[in-house]
Amino acid sequence: MNDDNMSFDDEYDDLLAEIGRAEDEDERIAIHEAGHAVAARLLGKPLGGATVNPDQNGKYGGLVWGPRHSVAFGSDDDAADVPELCGQLRDLMPQDGEARGDAADAYLHVLDRCIELAAASVAERMLLPGEPVPSVSDVEQAVALATLVCKSAEAVERFLAFCEQQARDLLHPHGPIIMALSIVLKIRRTLTGAEIDDVIATTVAGLQLAAERRRRAEWRKGELAAERFRAACDHPDEAALSQSAPDRMV
């Protein structure tokens, strides 16, 4: 191990000691927040940034936020949080018999947001052993959002199960991207939305380059096999022609 690696390891150990966090917990939080972020971008949602540093007031262990918000999946610190906002909005949602077209954006927002919230636990299941550590904040927000479009506790449970499956389908092909983003988050601790996009783009480009190299290697392997087969076929033909040539007398 060179001096640079030793220096980084020492700094990382000091950081974990300062924030009172074990290394495996830090890795889990990084994957958790990376799952939020990657899901949001796959759904076409812009990001303001992400951090794996804990809040000094104990509000969160890691955070992903939108371009206009300072709280992950919520509102600014001086405004009501998501459950309170949902409580205020619930009476404004269409009632039985009322047209729902004007509320279509609200329904889509609830669906996308619940998928984003579920994606963090899905990412943990994909990349870490065992069951994910429950996030009280994620669950509270998801339930509050779901009650805007569901009429019963059973409907909320089924809706959130559907959103979790959607998150699983969304993230499943992108495990390497989640892992890459989580590693950068562990090192940098906080990333802006633009930096998150840059990590994702760089990882995608690297995966595409690796896939192209594998494709070319397989193509060249096929070419060499064809050349060997052709040479094997040509050699017996030449021998047969030589044996069948008539003797000539001078």
C-alpha atoms as a PDB file:
ATOM      1  CA  MET A   1       0.000   0.000   0.000  1.00  0.00           C
ATOM      2  CA  ASN A   2       1.442   3.377  -0.995  1.00  0.00           C
ATOM      3  CA  ASP A   3       1.543   6.499   1.171  1.00  0.00           C
ATOM      4  CA  ASP A   4      -1.415   8.116  -0.612  1.00  0.00           C
ATOM      5  CA  ASN A   5      -3.674   5.138   0.130  1.00  0.00           C
ATOM      6  CA  MET A   6      -2.516   5.051   3.744  1.00  0.00           C
ATOM      7  CA  SER A   7      -3.214   8.778   4.085  1.00  0.00           C
ATOM      8  CA  PHE A   8      -6.741   8.395   2.663  1.00  0.00           C
ATOM      9  CA  ASP A   9      -7.480   5.404   4.909  1.00  0.00           C
ATOM     10  CA  ASP A  10      -6.320   7.326   7.948  1.00  0.00           C
ATOM     11  CA  GLU A  11      -8.436  10.349   7.005  1.00  0.00           C
ATOM     12  CA  TYR A  12     -11.451   8.136   6.396  1.00  0.00           C
ATOM     13  CA  ASP A  13     -11.039   6.394   9.754  1.00  0.00           C
ATOM     14  CA  ASP A  14     -10.749   9.783  11.466  1.00  0.00           C
ATOM     15  CA  LEU A  15     -13.903  10.980   9.708  1.00  0.00           C
ATOM     16  CA  LEU A  16     -15.904   7.917  10.734  1.00  0.00           C
ATOM     17  CA  ALA A  17     -14.708   8.305  14.315  1.00  0.00           C
ATOM     18  CA  GLU A  18     -15.732  11.971  14.275  1.00  0.00           C
ATOM     19  CA  ILE A  19     -19.284  11.257  13.071  1.00  0.00           C
ATOM     20  CA  GLY A  20     -19.617   8.081  15.162  1.00  0.00           C
ATOM     21  CA  ARG A  21     -20.231   5.733  12.279  1.00  0.00           C
ATOM     22  CA  ALA A  22     -18.908   2.262  11.432  1.00  0.00           C
ATOM     23  CA  GLU A  23     -17.484   1.625   7.960  1.00  0.00           C
ATOM     24  CA  ASP A  24     -20.194  -0.883   6.987  1.00  0.00           C
ATOM     25  CA  GLU A  25     -22.887   1.593   8.073  1.00  0.00           C
ATOM     26  CA  ASP A  26     -21.266   4.316   5.970  1.00  0.00           C
ATOM     27  CA  GLU A  27     -21.269   1.982   2.967  1.00  0.00           C
ATOM     28  CA  ARG A  28     -24.948   1.166   3.518  1.00  0.00           C
ATOM     29  CA  ILE A  29     -25.905   4.839   3.746  1.00  0.00           C
ATOM     30  CA  ALA A  30     -23.944   5.623   0.576  1.00  0.00           C
ATOM     31  CA  ILE A  31     -25.754   2.843  -1.322  1.00  0.00           C
ATOM     32  CA  HIS A  32     -29.084   3.960   0.163  1.00  0.00           C
ATOM     33  CA  GLU A  33     -28.652   7.541  -1.043  1.00  0.00           C
ATOM     34  CA  ALA A  34     -27.248   6.400  -4.396  1.00  0.00           C
ATOM     35  CA  GLY A  35     -30.407   4.319  -4.876  1.00  0.00           C
ATOM     36  CA  HIS A  36     -32.542   7.417  -4.288  1.00  0.00           C
ATOM     37  CA  ALA A  37     -30.459   9.473  -6.717  1.00  0.00           C
ATOM     38  CA  VAL A  38     -30.227   6.939  -9.549  1.00  0.00           C
ATOM     39  CA  ALA A  39     -33.960   6.209  -9.373  1.00  0.00           C
ATOM     40  CA  ALA A  40     -34.750   9.920  -9.541  1.00  0.00           C
ATOM     41  CA  ARG A  41     -32.600  10.389 -12.643  1.00  0.00           C
ATOM     42  CA  LEU A  42     -34.050   7.276 -14.306  1.00  0.00           C
ATOM     43  CA  LEU A  43     -37.477   8.823 -13.759  1.00  0.00           C
ATOM     44  CA  GLY A  44     -36.272  12.042 -15.332  1.00  0.00           C
ATOM     45  CA  LYS A  45     -36.271  14.032 -12.095  1.00  0.00           C
ATOM     46  CA  PRO A  46     -33.569  16.705 -11.601  1.00  0.00           C
ATOM     47  CA  LEU A  47     -31.456  16.658  -8.449  1.00  0.00           C
ATOM     48  CA  GLY A  48     -29.996  19.382  -6.303  1.00  0.00           C
ATOM     49  CA  GLY A  49     -27.464  17.102  -4.655  1.00  0.00           C
ATOM     50  CA  ALA A  50     -26.745  14.311  -2.207  1.00  0.00           C
ATOM     51  CA  THR A  51     -24.704  13.795   0.943  1.00  0.00           C
ATOM     52  CA  VAL A  52     -23.758  10.919   3.201  1.00  0.00           C
ATOM     53  CA  ASN A  53     -22.738  13.219   6.039  1.00  0.00           C
ATOM     54  CA  PRO A  54     -25.176  13.181   8.953  1.00  0.00           C
ATOM     55  CA  ASP A  55     -27.119  16.230  10.013  1.00  0.00           C
ATOM     56  CA  GLN A  56     -25.674  17.767  13.205  1.00  0.00           C
ATOM     57  CA  ASN A  57     -29.188  17.977  14.664  1.00  0.00           C
ATOM     58  CA  GLY A  58     -29.816  14.294  14.077  1.00  0.00           C
ATOM     59  CA  LYS A  59     -32.461  14.761  11.386  1.00  0.00           C
ATOM     60  CA  TYR A  60     -30.825  12.438   8.873  1.00  0.00           C
ATOM     61  CA  GLY A  61     -27.849  10.176   8.285  1.00  0.00           C
ATOM     62  CA  GLY A  62     -27.704  10.867   4.548  1.00  0.00           C
ATOM     63  CA  LEU A  63     -29.705  13.044   2.207  1.00  0.00           C
ATOM     64  CA  VAL A  64     -30.801  13.489  -1.411  1.00  0.00           C
ATOM     65  CA  TRP A  65     -32.596  16.678  -2.366  1.00  0.00           C
ATOM     66  CA  GLY A  66     -34.241  18.245  -5.390  1.00  0.00           C
ATOM     67  CA  PRO A  67     -33.104  21.416  -7.171  1.00  0.00           C
ATOM     68  CA  ARG A  68     -35.421  23.658  -5.130  1.00  0.00           C
ATOM     69  CA  HIS A  69     -35.303  21.844  -1.793  1.00  0.00           C
ATOM     70  CA  SER A  70     -32.873  21.534   1.077  1.00  0.00           C
ATOM     71  CA  VAL A  71     -34.464  18.332   2.422  1.00  0.00           C
ATOM     72  CA  ALA A  72     -34.518  15.010   0.586  1.00  0.00           C
ATOM     73  CA  PHE A  73     -37.884  14.463  -1.074  1.00  0.00           C
ATOM     74  CA  GLY A  74     -39.368  17.239   1.037  1.00  0.00           C
ATOM     75  CA  SER A  75     -39.451  20.985   1.427  1.00  0.00           C
ATOM     76  CA  ASP A  76     -37.184  23.636   2.836  1.00  0.00           C
ATOM     77  CA  ASP A  77     -36.376  23.533   6.531  1.00  0.00           C
ATOM     78  CA  ASP A  78     -38.714  26.426   7.385  1.00  0.00           C
ATOM     79  CA  ALA A  79     -41.774  24.856   5.759  1.00  0.00           C
ATOM     80  CA  ALA A  80     -44.004  21.904   6.610  1.00  0.00           C
ATOM     81  CA  ASP A  81     -42.573  18.430   6.045  1.00  0.00           C
ATOM     82  CA  VAL A  82     -44.028  15.901   3.603  1.00  0.00           C
ATOM     83  CA  PRO A  83     -46.567  14.209   5.936  1.00  0.00           C
ATOM     84  CA  GLU A  84     -47.895  17.615   7.031  1.00  0.00           C
ATOM     85  CA  LEU A  85     -48.124  18.832   3.444  1.00  0.00           C
ATOM     86  CA  CYS A  86     -49.980  15.671   2.443  1.00  0.00           C
ATOM     87  CA  GLY A  87     -52.405  16.209   5.300  1.00  0.00           C
ATOM     88  CA  GLN A  88     -53.122  19.687   3.977  1.00  0.00           C
ATOM     89  CA  LEU A  89     -53.562  18.439   0.403  1.00  0.00           C
ATOM     90  CA  ARG A  90     -55.728  15.413   1.183  1.00  0.00           C
ATOM     91  CA  ASP A  91     -59.010  17.345   1.286  1.00  0.00           C
ATOM     92  CA  LEU A  92     -58.158  19.003  -2.039  1.00  0.00           C
ATOM     93  CA  MET A  93     -57.834  15.722  -3.938  1.00  0.00           C
ATOM     94  CA  PRO A  94     -60.792  14.723  -6.183  1.00  0.00           C
ATOM     95  CA  GLN A  95     -63.676  13.111  -4.329  1.00  0.00           C
ATOM     96  CA  ASP A  96     -65.934  10.331  -5.625  1.00  0.00           C
ATOM     97  CA  GLY A  97     -67.717  11.492  -8.767  1.00  0.00           C
ATOM     98  CA  GLU A  98     -65.393  14.432  -9.390  1.00  0.00           C
ATOM     99  CA  ALA A  99     -63.242  14.671 -12.513  1.00  0.00           C
ATOM    100  CA  ARG A 100     -59.612  13.718 -11.862  1.00  0.00           C
ATOM    101  CA  GLY A 101     -57.941  15.208 -14.921  1.00  0.00           C
ATOM    102  CA  ASP A 102     -56.882  18.372 -13.112  1.00  0.00           C
ATOM    103  CA  ALA A 103     -55.159  16.236 -10.458  1.00  0.00           C
ATOM    104  CA  ALA A 104     -53.286  14.016 -12.924  1.00  0.00           C
ATOM    105  CA  ASP A 105     -49.959  15.666 -12.139  1.00  0.00           C
ATOM    106  CA  ALA A 106     -50.513  15.042  -8.430  1.00  0.00           C
ATOM    107  CA  TYR A 107     -51.196  11.349  -9.027  1.00  0.00           C
ATOM    108  CA  LEU A 108     -48.058  11.034 -11.182  1.00  0.00           C
ATOM    109  CA  HIS A 109     -46.010  12.900  -8.576  1.00  0.00           C
ATOM    110  CA  VAL A 110     -47.158  10.490  -5.858  1.00  0.00           C
ATOM    111  CA  LEU A 111     -46.264   7.475  -8.013  1.00  0.00           C
ATOM    112  CA  ASP A 112     -42.803   8.759  -8.967  1.00  0.00           C
ATOM    113  CA  ARG A 113     -41.993   9.910  -5.446  1.00  0.00           C
ATOM    114  CA  CYS A 114     -42.983   6.599  -3.861  1.00  0.00           C
ATOM    115  CA  ILE A 115     -40.854   4.737  -6.413  1.00  0.00           C
ATOM    116  CA  GLU A 116     -37.904   6.997  -5.538  1.00  0.00           C
ATOM    117  CA  LEU A 117     -38.420   6.378  -1.830  1.00  0.00           C
ATOM    118  CA  ALA A 118     -38.635   2.607  -2.285  1.00  0.00           C
ATOM    119  CA  ALA A 119     -35.532   2.596  -4.482  1.00  0.00           C
ATOM    120  CA  ALA A 120     -33.158   3.151  -1.555  1.00  0.00           C
ATOM    121  CA  SER A 121     -34.115  -0.115   0.161  1.00  0.00           C
ATOM    122  CA  VAL A 122     -34.125  -1.884  -3.202  1.00  0.00           C
ATOM    123  CA  ALA A 123     -30.542  -0.704  -3.803  1.00  0.00           C
ATOM    124  CA  GLU A 124     -29.494  -2.059  -0.403  1.00  0.00           C
ATOM    125  CA  ARG A 125     -31.030  -5.453  -1.207  1.00  0.00           C
ATOM    126  CA  MET A 126     -29.268  -5.500  -4.574  1.00  0.00           C
ATOM    127  CA  LEU A 127     -25.780  -4.715  -3.305  1.00  0.00           C
ATOM    128  CA  LEU A 128     -25.617  -5.701   0.360  1.00  0.00           C
ATOM    129  CA  PRO A 129     -26.281  -8.940   2.258  1.00  0.00           C
ATOM    130  CA  GLY A 130     -29.332  -9.236   4.484  1.00  0.00           C
ATOM    131  CA  GLU A 131     -32.357  -6.999   4.731  1.00  0.00           C
ATOM    132  CA  PRO A 132     -32.051  -3.199   4.489  1.00  0.00           C
ATOM    133  CA  VAL A 133     -32.167  -1.068   7.602  1.00  0.00           C
ATOM    134  CA  PRO A 134     -35.635   0.567   7.696  1.00  0.00           C
ATOM    135  CA  SER A 135     -35.668   4.311   7.076  1.00  0.00           C
ATOM    136  CA  VAL A 136     -38.369   5.843   9.255  1.00  0.00           C
ATOM    137  CA  SER A 137     -38.363   9.027   7.205  1.00  0.00           C
ATOM    138  CA  ASP A 138     -38.754   7.171   3.888  1.00  0.00           C
ATOM    139  CA  VAL A 139     -41.620   5.070   5.228  1.00  0.00           C
ATOM    140  CA  GLU A 140     -43.442   8.024   6.766  1.00  0.00           C
ATOM    141  CA  GLN A 141     -43.201  10.041   3.574  1.00  0.00           C
ATOM    142  CA  ALA A 142     -44.251   7.133   1.360  1.00  0.00           C
ATOM    143  CA  VAL A 143     -47.303   6.348   3.505  1.00  0.00           C
ATOM    144  CA  ALA A 144     -48.328  10.013   3.642  1.00  0.00           C
ATOM    145  CA  LEU A 145     -48.030  10.347  -0.135  1.00  0.00           C
ATOM    146  CA  ALA A 146     -49.887   7.099  -0.778  1.00  0.00           C
ATOM    147  CA  THR A 147     -52.858   8.241   1.330  1.00  0.00           C
ATOM    148  CA  LEU A 148     -53.411  11.017  -1.208  1.00  0.00           C
ATOM    149  CA  VAL A 149     -54.459   8.445  -3.816  1.00  0.00           C
ATOM    150  CA  CYS A 150     -55.547   5.456  -1.700  1.00  0.00           C
ATOM    151  CA  LYS A 151     -58.737   5.103   0.356  1.00  0.00           C
ATOM    152  CA  SER A 152     -57.733   2.404   2.839  1.00  0.00           C
ATOM    153  CA  ALA A 153     -54.731   1.032   4.712  1.00  0.00           C
ATOM    154  CA  GLU A 154     -54.894  -2.101   2.554  1.00  0.00           C
ATOM    155  CA  ALA A 155     -54.806   0.016  -0.602  1.00  0.00           C
ATOM    156  CA  VAL A 156     -51.807   1.954   0.739  1.00  0.00           C
ATOM    157  CA  GLU A 157     -49.964  -1.305   1.441  1.00  0.00           C
ATOM    158  CA  ARG A 158     -50.672  -2.684  -2.026  1.00  0.00           C
ATOM    159  CA  PHE A 159     -49.781   0.604  -3.704  1.00  0.00           C
ATOM    160  CA  LEU A 160     -46.439   0.797  -1.914  1.00  0.00           C
ATOM    161  CA  ALA A 161     -45.715  -2.849  -2.785  1.00  0.00           C
ATOM    162  CA  PHE A 162     -46.377  -1.955  -6.421  1.00  0.00           C
ATOM    163  CA  CYS A 163     -43.998   1.022  -6.162  1.00  0.00           C
ATOM    164  CA  GLU A 164     -41.308  -1.207  -4.651  1.00  0.00           C
ATOM    165  CA  GLN A 165     -41.627  -3.630  -7.558  1.00  0.00           C
ATOM    166  CA  GLN A 166     -41.413  -0.710  -9.974  1.00  0.00           C
ATOM    167  CA  ALA A 167     -38.262   0.476  -8.211  1.00  0.00           C
ATOM    168  CA  ARG A 168     -36.789  -3.021  -8.435  1.00  0.00           C
ATOM    169  CA  ASP A 169     -37.502  -3.223 -12.169  1.00  0.00           C
ATOM    170  CA  LEU A 170     -36.082   0.275 -12.644  1.00  0.00           C
ATOM    171  CA  LEU A 171     -32.803  -0.277 -10.779  1.00  0.00           C
ATOM    172  CA  HIS A 172     -32.061  -3.924 -11.580  1.00  0.00           C
ATOM    173  CA  PRO A 173     -30.075  -3.237 -14.806  1.00  0.00           C
ATOM    174  CA  HIS A 174     -28.119  -0.420 -13.165  1.00  0.00           C
ATOM    175  CA  GLY A 175     -26.351  -2.014 -10.198  1.00  0.00           C
ATOM    176  CA  PRO A 176     -22.856  -0.934 -11.375  1.00  0.00           C
ATOM    177  CA  ILE A 177     -24.014   2.690 -11.622  1.00  0.00           C
ATOM    178  CA  ILE A 178     -25.433   2.633  -8.082  1.00  0.00           C
ATOM    179  CA  MET A 179     -22.208   1.091  -6.782  1.00  0.00           C
ATOM    180  CA  ALA A 180     -20.026   3.635  -8.606  1.00  0.00           C
ATOM    181  CA  LEU A 181     -22.073   6.560  -7.289  1.00  0.00           C
ATOM    182  CA  SER A 182     -21.993   5.182  -3.743  1.00  0.00           C
ATOM    183  CA  ILE A 183     -18.188   4.893  -3.875  1.00  0.00           C
ATOM    184  CA  VAL A 184     -17.813   8.494  -5.034  1.00  0.00           C
ATOM    185  CA  LEU A 185     -20.235   9.615  -2.321  1.00  0.00           C
ATOM    186  CA  LYS A 186     -18.158   7.828   0.316  1.00  0.00           C
ATOM    187  CA  ILE A 187     -15.051   9.644  -0.892  1.00  0.00           C
ATOM    188  CA  ARG A 188     -16.467  13.092  -1.682  1.00  0.00           C
ATOM    189  CA  ARG A 189     -19.204  12.991   1.025  1.00  0.00           C
ATOM    190  CA  THR A 190     -21.399  15.546  -0.794  1.00  0.00           C
ATOM    191  CA  LEU A 191     -22.173  15.910  -4.517  1.00  0.00           C
ATOM    192  CA  THR A 192     -24.172  18.477  -6.452  1.00  0.00           C
ATOM    193  CA  GLY A 193     -26.803  17.386  -8.974  1.00  0.00           C
ATOM    194  CA  ALA A 194     -24.384  18.152 -11.820  1.00  0.00           C
ATOM    195  CA  GLU A 195     -21.658  16.068 -10.178  1.00  0.00           C
ATOM    196  CA  ILE A 196     -24.082  13.163  -9.732  1.00  0.00           C
ATOM    197  CA  ASP A 197     -24.939  13.331 -13.430  1.00  0.00           C
ATOM    198  CA  ASP A 198     -21.224  13.394 -14.259  1.00  0.00           C
ATOM    199  CA  VAL A 199     -20.561  10.252 -12.191  1.00  0.00           C
ATOM    200  CA  ILE A 200     -23.488   8.489 -13.867  1.00  0.00           C
ATOM    201  CA  ALA A 201     -22.390   9.565 -17.374  1.00  0.00           C
ATOM    202  CA  THR A 202     -18.768   8.531 -16.757  1.00  0.00           C
ATOM    203  CA  THR A 203     -19.842   5.126 -15.432  1.00  0.00           C
ATOM    204  CA  VAL A 204     -22.210   4.533 -18.351  1.00  0.00           C
ATOM    205  CA  ALA A 205     -19.461   5.469 -20.821  1.00  0.00           C
ATOM    206  CA  GLY A 206     -17.046   3.078 -19.112  1.00  0.00           C
ATOM    207  CA  LEU A 207     -19.576   0.243 -19.205  1.00  0.00           C
ATOM    208  CA  GLN A 208     -20.280   0.893 -22.874  1.00  0.00           C
ATOM    209  CA  LEU A 209     -16.551   0.932 -23.678  1.00  0.00           C
ATOM    210  CA  ALA A 210     -16.040  -2.346 -21.819  1.00  0.00           C
ATOM    211  CA  ALA A 211     -18.993  -3.892 -23.660  1.00  0.00           C
ATOM    212  CA  GLU A 212     -17.582  -2.731 -27.009  1.00  0.00           C
ATOM    213  CA  ARG A 213     -14.169  -4.199 -26.183  1.00  0.00           C
ATOM    214  CA  ARG A 214     -15.807  -7.514 -25.289  1.00  0.00           C
ATOM    215  CA  ARG A 215     -17.792  -7.421 -28.538  1.00  0.00           C
ATOM    216  CA  ARG A 216     -14.639  -6.772 -30.574  1.00  0.00           C
ATOM    217  CA  ALA A 217     -12.741  -9.498 -28.737  1.00  0.00           C
ATOM    218  CA  GLU A 218     -15.545 -11.979 -29.477  1.00  0.00           C
ATOM    219  CA  TRP A 219     -15.608 -10.862 -33.107  1.00  0.00           C
ATOM    220  CA  ARG A 220     -11.831 -11.324 -33.425  1.00  0.00           C
ATOM    221  CA  LYS A 221     -12.110 -14.708 -31.720  1.00  0.00           C
ATOM    222  CA  GLY A 222     -14.667 -15.710 -34.343  1.00  0.00           C
ATOM    223  CA  GLU A 223     -12.435 -14.456 -37.155  1.00  0.00           C
ATOM    224  CA  LEU A 224      -9.468 -16.499 -35.904  1.00  0.00           C
ATOM    225  CA  ALA A 225     -11.624 -19.610 -35.557  1.00  0.00           C
ATOM    226  CA  ALA A 226     -12.863 -19.129 -39.124  1.00  0.00           C
ATOM    227  CA  GLU A 227      -9.296 -18.713 -40.410  1.00  0.00           C
ATOM    228  CA  ARG A 228      -8.186 -21.907 -38.648  1.00  0.00           C
ATOM    229  CA  PHE A 229     -11.163 -23.793 -40.029  1.00  0.00           C
ATOM    230  CA  ARG A 230     -10.443 -22.514 -43.559  1.00  0.00           C
ATOM    231  CA  ALA A 231      -6.785 -23.501 -43.282  1.00  0.00           C
ATOM    232  CA  ALA A 232      -7.736 -26.976 -42.060  1.00  0.00           C
ATOM    233  CA  CYS A 233     -10.096 -27.402 -45.008  1.00  0.00           C
ATOM    234  CA  ASP A 234      -7.568 -26.133 -47.589  1.00  0.00           C
ATOM    235  CA  HIS A 235      -4.711 -28.431 -46.487  1.00  0.00           C
ATOM    236  CA  PRO A 236      -6.426 -31.774 -47.324  1.00  0.00           C
ATOM    237  CA  ASP A 237      -7.534 -30.370 -50.686  1.00  0.00           C
ATOM    238  CA  GLU A 238      -3.965 -29.460 -51.607  1.00  0.00           C
ATOM    239  CA  ALA A 239      -2.712 -32.900 -50.560  1.00  0.00           C
ATOM    240  CA  ALA A 240      -5.400 -34.604 -52.619  1.00  0.00           C
ATOM    241  CA  LEU A 241      -4.535 -32.576 -55.699  1.00  0.00           C
ATOM    242  CA  SER A 242      -0.815 -33.412 -55.327  1.00  0.00           C
ATOM    243  CA  GLN A 243      -1.509 -37.161 -55.057  1.00  0.00           C
ATOM    244  CA  SER A 244      -3.826 -37.186 -58.055  1.00  0.00           C
ATOM    245  CA  ALA A 245      -1.474 -35.335 -60.433  1.00  0.00           C
ATOM    246  CA  PRO A 246      -0.254 -37.685 -63.296  1.00  0.00           C
ATOM    247  CA  ASP A 247       3.415 -38.637 -63.638  1.00  0.00           C
ATOM    248  CA  ARG A 248       5.142 -36.953 -66.541  1.00  0.00           C
ATOM    249  CA  MET A 249       7.924 -38.579 -68.558  1.00  0.00           C
ATOM    250  CA  VAL A 250      10.648 -36.408 -70.012  1.00  0.00           C
END
